[in-house]
Amino acid sequence: MSRVIQIRGVPDDLHEALREAAEARGQSLTKFALAALEQAARRHRSVQHNAEVIRRAQAEIASGVSREEILAALHEGRRE
């Protein structure tokens, strides 16, 4: 099920810049904005995942988790 998001108070210059960017990509403003929102959500999930990896790594540092193991976990999370 899709939802409707309405954004009020968008400054004219921002609206024009977004419209121009959408037009340059051959998209409607709605499709362009949806793609930008999807990208922001993916970044947010990635940041949350990385924060969890760091939290777990910090909790296990006393147990001798190596730098390589931490980097491997981060790389694995980025592939998801």
Protein backbone atom coordinates (compact mmCIF):
# COMPACT_ATOMS: atom_id res chain seq x y z
CA MET A 1 0.00 0.00 0.00
CA SER A 2 1.42 3.39 -0.89
CA ARG A 3 1.09 6.47 1.30
CA VAL A 4 0.92 10.16 0.53
CA ILE A 5 3.48 12.59 1.91
CA GLN A 6 2.81 16.30 1.58
CA ILE A 7 5.60 18.79 2.25
CA ARG A 8 4.53 22.33 3.04
CA GLY A 9 6.67 25.42 3.18
CA VAL A 10 9.15 24.46 0.45
CA PRO A 11 11.01 27.64 -0.52
CA ASP A 12 10.55 28.70 -4.14
CA ASP A 13 14.26 28.41 -4.94
CA LEU A 14 14.42 24.85 -3.57
CA HIS A 15 11.28 23.84 -5.46
CA GLU A 16 12.75 25.23 -8.67
CA ALA A 17 16.08 23.46 -8.13
CA LEU A 18 14.31 20.15 -7.50
CA ARG A 19 12.08 20.62 -10.52
CA GLU A 20 15.09 21.37 -12.73
CA ALA A 21 16.99 18.34 -11.40
CA ALA A 22 13.99 16.10 -12.04
CA GLU A 23 13.55 17.51 -15.54
CA ALA A 24 17.26 16.95 -16.29
CA ARG A 25 16.77 13.27 -15.42
CA GLY A 26 13.58 13.00 -17.42
CA GLN A 27 11.51 12.38 -14.28
CA SER A 28 8.52 13.96 -12.71
CA LEU A 29 9.14 15.92 -9.53
CA THR A 30 7.24 13.21 -7.63
CA LYS A 31 9.44 10.39 -8.96
CA PHE A 32 12.59 12.43 -8.34
CA ALA A 33 11.56 13.23 -4.75
CA LEU A 34 10.59 9.60 -4.10
CA ALA A 35 14.02 8.42 -5.29
CA ALA A 36 15.70 10.99 -3.00
CA LEU A 37 13.61 9.81 -0.05
CA GLU A 38 14.46 6.16 -0.79
CA GLN A 39 18.16 7.02 -0.89
CA ALA A 40 17.89 8.85 2.45
CA ALA A 41 16.13 5.86 4.02
CA ARG A 42 18.86 3.48 2.75
CA ARG A 43 21.56 5.75 4.19
CA HIS A 44 19.71 5.86 7.51
CA ARG A 45 19.48 2.05 7.65
CA SER A 46 23.17 1.77 6.77
CA VAL A 47 24.11 4.21 9.53
CA GLN A 48 21.99 2.26 12.02
CA HIS A 49 23.61 -1.01 10.97
CA ASN A 50 27.12 0.44 11.22
CA ALA A 51 26.35 1.86 14.66
CA GLU A 52 25.23 -1.61 15.79
CA VAL A 53 28.39 -3.19 14.39
CA ILE A 54 30.51 -0.62 16.21
CA ARG A 55 28.55 -1.14 19.45
CA ARG A 56 29.05 -4.91 19.25
CA ALA A 57 32.73 -4.47 18.39
CA GLN A 58 33.26 -2.13 21.31
CA ALA A 59 31.55 -4.62 23.63
CA GLU A 60 33.87 -7.39 22.40
CA ILE A 61 37.13 -5.43 22.35
CA ALA A 62 38.03 -6.80 25.74
CA SER A 63 37.69 -10.28 24.26
CA GLY A 64 40.31 -9.52 21.62
CA VAL A 65 38.33 -8.77 18.46
CA SER A 66 40.87 -7.81 15.82
CA ARG A 67 40.79 -4.77 13.61
CA GLU A 68 40.40 -7.08 10.62
CA GLU A 69 37.29 -8.70 12.12
CA ILE A 70 35.72 -5.31 12.72
CA LEU A 71 36.48 -4.17 9.17
CA ALA A 72 35.13 -7.46 7.77
CA ALA A 73 31.88 -6.97 9.70
CA LEU A 74 31.55 -3.42 8.39
CA HIS A 75 32.18 -4.54 4.81
CA GLU A 76 29.63 -7.34 5.21
CA GLY A 77 27.03 -4.85 6.41
CA ARG A 78 27.63 -2.61 3.41
CA ARG A 79 26.97 -5.50 1.04
CA GLU A 80 23.50 -6.04 2.57
